[in-house]
Amino acid sequence: MHQTRPPKIILASTSVYRRELLGKLKIPFEQVDPEIQESGQAGESPSNTALRLALGKAQSAVRGIEPHSPFIVIGSDQVAHLNEHSFGKPGSFEAATRQLAACSGNWVSFTTAICLIDETGCTHQAVECYKVKFRSLQPHEIDAYLYIDRPFDCAGSIKAESAGITLLEDSQGRDINTLYGLPLMLLQETLALFNWQLSTLRNTYN
C-alpha cells in the first residue's frame, strides 16, 4: 500500500526555547532563521504585533525553501504586555530590572501568535494568551532573580519555566506552553487544519 510522505516541518525561529517546546511533540523538524526585524508599530495592539511578526517569520522562511516536496512552515511570536504597554526583550540587567519592577504586583499577559504556511501558500494564523500575576517584588528579590536566570533575551524579563516561577503567585490560561513561547495545543489544532496529525508520523518510528 502506498504511503503518503508527511510534509517536512520547518520552524521559522532560531529560539532555543521554541526548539525545545516543539521537540516535546516528537515531530522531526528543521529550524531556520527567519531574518526579520522584530519590533512593534505605533498604535498596534499586542495581539496584532504578534500576528504580524509570526506571519512575517513564516513568509520569510517560505521564500528560502525549494518547493520540491510538501512542507509546513511554523512562525511564532510572543508579546509580553501590561494592558497595552508591551515589554520587549530587555537585553541588559538594568532594563530587566525596570521591567520586573513594572510587573511587580500586576497581571501581565503573554500573547503568542502562530502562523503556518504550506507549499501551496495555504496560510492559517491563530493567537492565544496566557496571564500571570507577579508577586509584589522587593528590589533585592529582583536582583537575585536576574543574577540566577539572566533572562535578558526573554520578553517580560522572566523564564517562568525556570527560577522565574518564584516571582509569580497566580496564572490564567489553558496551555502553559503559551507562556513559554509556543502554544502547543493551539499548534496541534492548527496543524490539523492541514490534515496533519501525530499519527501521520507513525511509520517514522517503526
Protein backbone atom coordinates (compact mmCIF):
# COMPACT_ATOMS: atom_id res chain seq x y z
CA MET A 1 0.00 0.00 0.00
CA HIS A 2 1.38 3.40 -0.97
CA GLN A 3 2.24 5.63 1.99
CA THR A 4 1.92 9.39 1.55
CA ARG A 5 5.07 11.09 2.74
CA PRO A 6 4.32 13.54 5.58
CA PRO A 7 5.24 17.17 4.93
CA LYS A 8 8.54 18.49 6.22
CA ILE A 9 8.03 20.66 9.31
CA ILE A 10 10.11 23.84 9.42
CA LEU A 11 10.34 26.09 12.45
CA ALA A 12 10.96 29.70 11.39
CA SER A 13 12.85 30.63 14.54
CA THR A 14 16.36 30.46 15.98
CA SER A 15 14.96 30.41 19.53
CA VAL A 16 16.32 27.57 21.66
CA TYR A 17 13.14 27.85 23.75
CA ARG A 18 10.81 27.24 20.79
CA ARG A 19 13.06 24.44 19.56
CA GLU A 20 12.73 22.68 22.91
CA LEU A 21 8.97 23.24 23.01
CA LEU A 22 8.34 21.88 19.52
CA GLY A 23 10.56 18.95 20.42
CA LYS A 24 8.01 17.95 23.06
CA LEU A 25 5.67 16.86 20.26
CA LYS A 26 8.30 14.40 18.95
CA ILE A 27 7.95 15.93 15.50
CA PRO A 28 11.03 15.77 13.23
CA PHE A 29 11.66 19.35 12.12
CA GLU A 30 14.24 21.76 10.75
CA GLN A 31 14.98 25.16 12.24
CA VAL A 32 15.76 28.19 10.07
CA ASP A 33 16.49 31.85 10.70
CA PRO A 34 13.52 33.98 9.51
CA GLU A 35 15.72 37.08 9.31
CA ILE A 36 13.12 39.75 10.06
CA GLN A 37 13.17 42.76 12.34
CA GLU A 38 11.11 42.12 15.47
CA SER A 39 9.53 45.39 16.53
CA GLY A 40 6.10 46.84 17.23
CA GLN A 41 4.42 49.63 15.32
CA ALA A 42 2.86 52.77 16.72
CA GLY A 43 -0.75 52.20 17.76
CA GLU A 44 -0.57 48.46 17.15
CA SER A 45 -2.17 46.16 19.73
CA PRO A 46 -0.06 43.39 21.28
CA SER A 47 -2.08 40.68 19.54
CA ASN A 48 -1.74 42.39 16.16
CA THR A 49 2.02 42.76 16.69
CA ALA A 50 2.37 39.07 17.49
CA LEU A 51 0.23 38.04 14.49
CA ARG A 52 2.10 40.32 12.09
CA LEU A 53 5.52 39.12 13.20
CA ALA A 54 4.52 35.44 13.19
CA LEU A 55 3.29 35.90 9.60
CA GLY A 56 6.47 37.73 8.62
CA LYS A 57 8.68 34.99 10.05
CA ALA A 58 6.76 32.25 8.27
CA GLN A 59 6.74 34.11 4.94
CA SER A 60 10.47 34.81 5.20
CA ALA A 61 11.23 31.14 5.76
CA VAL A 62 8.99 30.05 2.87
CA ARG A 63 10.92 32.26 0.46
CA GLY A 64 14.08 30.27 1.20
CA ILE A 65 12.57 26.82 0.58
CA GLU A 66 12.81 24.93 -2.69
CA PRO A 67 9.20 23.75 -3.25
CA HIS A 68 10.02 20.23 -4.44
CA SER A 69 8.19 18.42 -1.64
CA PRO A 70 5.39 19.11 0.84
CA PHE A 71 6.23 21.28 3.83
CA ILE A 72 4.62 23.26 6.62
CA VAL A 73 6.43 26.31 7.99
CA ILE A 74 5.70 27.41 11.56
CA GLY A 75 6.22 31.04 12.51
CA SER A 76 5.58 32.29 16.03
CA ASP A 77 5.96 35.47 18.02
CA GLN A 78 5.22 36.47 21.59
CA VAL A 79 4.45 39.87 23.09
CA ALA A 80 4.55 40.37 26.86
CA HIS A 81 2.37 43.27 27.92
CA LEU A 82 0.83 45.03 30.88
CA ASN A 83 -2.51 46.14 29.46
CA GLU A 84 -1.43 47.77 26.16
CA HIS A 85 2.15 48.51 27.24
CA SER A 86 4.46 45.96 25.66
CA PHE A 87 7.73 44.69 27.08
CA GLY A 88 10.44 43.77 24.62
CA LYS A 89 13.49 41.63 25.27
CA PRO A 90 15.39 43.67 27.88
CA GLY A 91 18.91 42.93 26.67
CA SER A 92 20.52 44.18 29.87
CA PHE A 93 20.36 43.85 33.65
CA GLU A 94 19.18 47.45 34.03
CA ALA A 95 16.34 47.13 31.52
CA ALA A 96 15.25 43.82 33.04
CA THR A 97 15.18 45.43 36.48
CA ARG A 98 12.85 48.15 35.19
CA GLN A 99 10.56 45.60 33.53
CA LEU A 100 10.21 43.45 36.64
CA ALA A 101 9.62 46.50 38.82
CA ALA A 102 6.76 47.47 36.48
CA CYS A 103 5.37 43.91 36.59
CA SER A 104 5.51 43.71 40.40
CA GLY A 105 2.03 43.11 41.85
CA ASN A 106 0.37 43.12 38.42
CA TRP A 107 -1.24 40.72 35.97
CA VAL A 108 0.93 40.53 32.85
CA SER A 109 -0.23 38.94 29.59
CA PHE A 110 1.91 36.83 27.27
CA THR A 111 0.17 36.90 23.90
CA THR A 112 1.61 34.34 21.49
CA ALA A 113 0.71 34.02 17.82
CA ILE A 114 1.43 31.27 15.34
CA CYS A 115 1.31 31.27 11.56
CA LEU A 116 1.51 28.11 9.46
CA ILE A 117 2.08 28.12 5.69
CA ASP A 118 2.34 25.09 3.41
CA GLU A 119 3.91 24.64 -0.04
CA THR A 120 0.66 25.70 -1.76
CA GLY A 121 0.60 29.02 0.10
CA CYS A 122 -2.31 27.98 2.31
CA THR A 123 -1.99 30.04 5.49
CA HIS A 124 -3.56 29.72 8.93
CA GLN A 125 -2.97 32.13 11.82
CA ALA A 126 -4.08 31.94 15.43
CA VAL A 127 -3.30 33.64 18.72
CA GLU A 128 -3.52 32.63 22.36
CA CYS A 129 -2.91 34.46 25.63
CA TYR A 130 -1.59 33.28 28.99
CA LYS A 131 -1.66 35.62 32.00
CA VAL A 132 0.47 35.57 35.14
CA LYS A 133 0.20 37.51 38.38
CA PHE A 134 3.51 38.74 39.75
CA ARG A 135 4.07 38.89 43.47
CA SER A 136 4.93 42.25 44.99
CA LEU A 137 8.65 42.12 44.40
CA GLN A 138 11.31 43.77 46.52
CA PRO A 139 14.40 45.21 44.78
CA HIS A 140 16.69 42.59 46.34
CA GLU A 141 14.41 39.81 45.02
CA ILE A 142 14.58 41.22 41.51
CA ASP A 143 18.38 41.49 41.69
CA ALA A 144 18.76 37.94 43.00
CA TYR A 145 16.48 36.52 40.32
CA LEU A 146 18.25 38.32 37.49
CA TYR A 147 21.64 37.04 38.63
CA ILE A 148 20.27 33.48 38.75
CA ASP A 149 18.26 33.23 35.50
CA ARG A 150 19.70 36.08 33.41
CA PRO A 151 16.51 36.33 31.29
CA PHE A 152 17.81 39.15 29.14
CA ASP A 153 16.64 37.51 25.90
CA CYS A 154 13.10 36.93 27.22
CA ALA A 155 10.19 39.33 26.76
CA GLY A 156 8.99 40.40 30.20
CA SER A 157 12.35 39.50 31.78
CA ILE A 158 11.20 36.16 33.13
CA LYS A 159 11.91 32.48 32.49
CA ALA A 160 8.78 31.03 34.06
CA GLU A 161 9.93 27.51 33.22
CA SER A 162 12.95 28.09 35.46
CA ALA A 163 13.51 30.16 38.62
CA GLY A 164 11.09 32.78 37.31
CA ILE A 165 8.23 30.73 38.72
CA THR A 166 9.23 32.05 42.17
CA LEU A 167 8.19 35.55 41.08
CA LEU A 168 4.59 34.52 40.42
CA GLU A 169 1.54 33.94 42.59
CA ASP A 170 -1.22 33.09 40.10
CA SER A 171 -1.88 32.33 36.46
CA GLN A 172 -4.70 32.05 33.92
CA GLY A 173 -4.74 30.14 30.64
CA ARG A 174 -5.29 26.72 29.10
CA ASP A 175 -1.74 25.91 27.98
CA ILE A 176 1.33 26.97 29.98
CA ASN A 177 3.46 26.38 26.87
CA THR A 178 1.91 29.60 25.57
CA LEU A 179 3.74 31.40 28.38
CA TYR A 180 6.96 29.60 27.47
CA GLY A 181 6.75 30.80 23.86
CA LEU A 182 4.88 28.25 21.71
CA PRO A 183 1.22 27.27 22.35
CA LEU A 184 1.38 23.55 21.66
CA MET A 185 -2.35 22.84 21.98
CA LEU A 186 -3.12 25.64 19.53
CA LEU A 187 -0.32 24.43 17.25
CA GLN A 188 -1.74 20.91 17.14
CA GLU A 189 -5.19 22.31 16.33
CA THR A 190 -3.75 24.43 13.52
CA LEU A 191 -1.72 21.55 12.09
CA ALA A 192 -4.98 19.59 11.93
CA LEU A 193 -6.32 22.24 9.51
CA PHE A 194 -3.64 20.97 7.11
CA ASN A 195 -4.83 17.38 7.72
CA TRP A 196 -1.66 16.77 9.73
CA GLN A 197 -1.82 14.61 12.84
CA LEU A 198 0.80 12.93 15.00
CA SER A 199 -0.38 9.56 13.64
CA THR A 200 0.96 10.77 10.26
CA LEU A 201 4.44 10.04 11.59
CA ARG A 202 3.73 6.52 12.80
CA ASN A 203 5.86 4.89 10.12
CA THR A 204 8.76 7.18 11.02
CA TYR A 205 9.14 5.37 14.32
CA ASN A 206 8.73 1.82 13.01
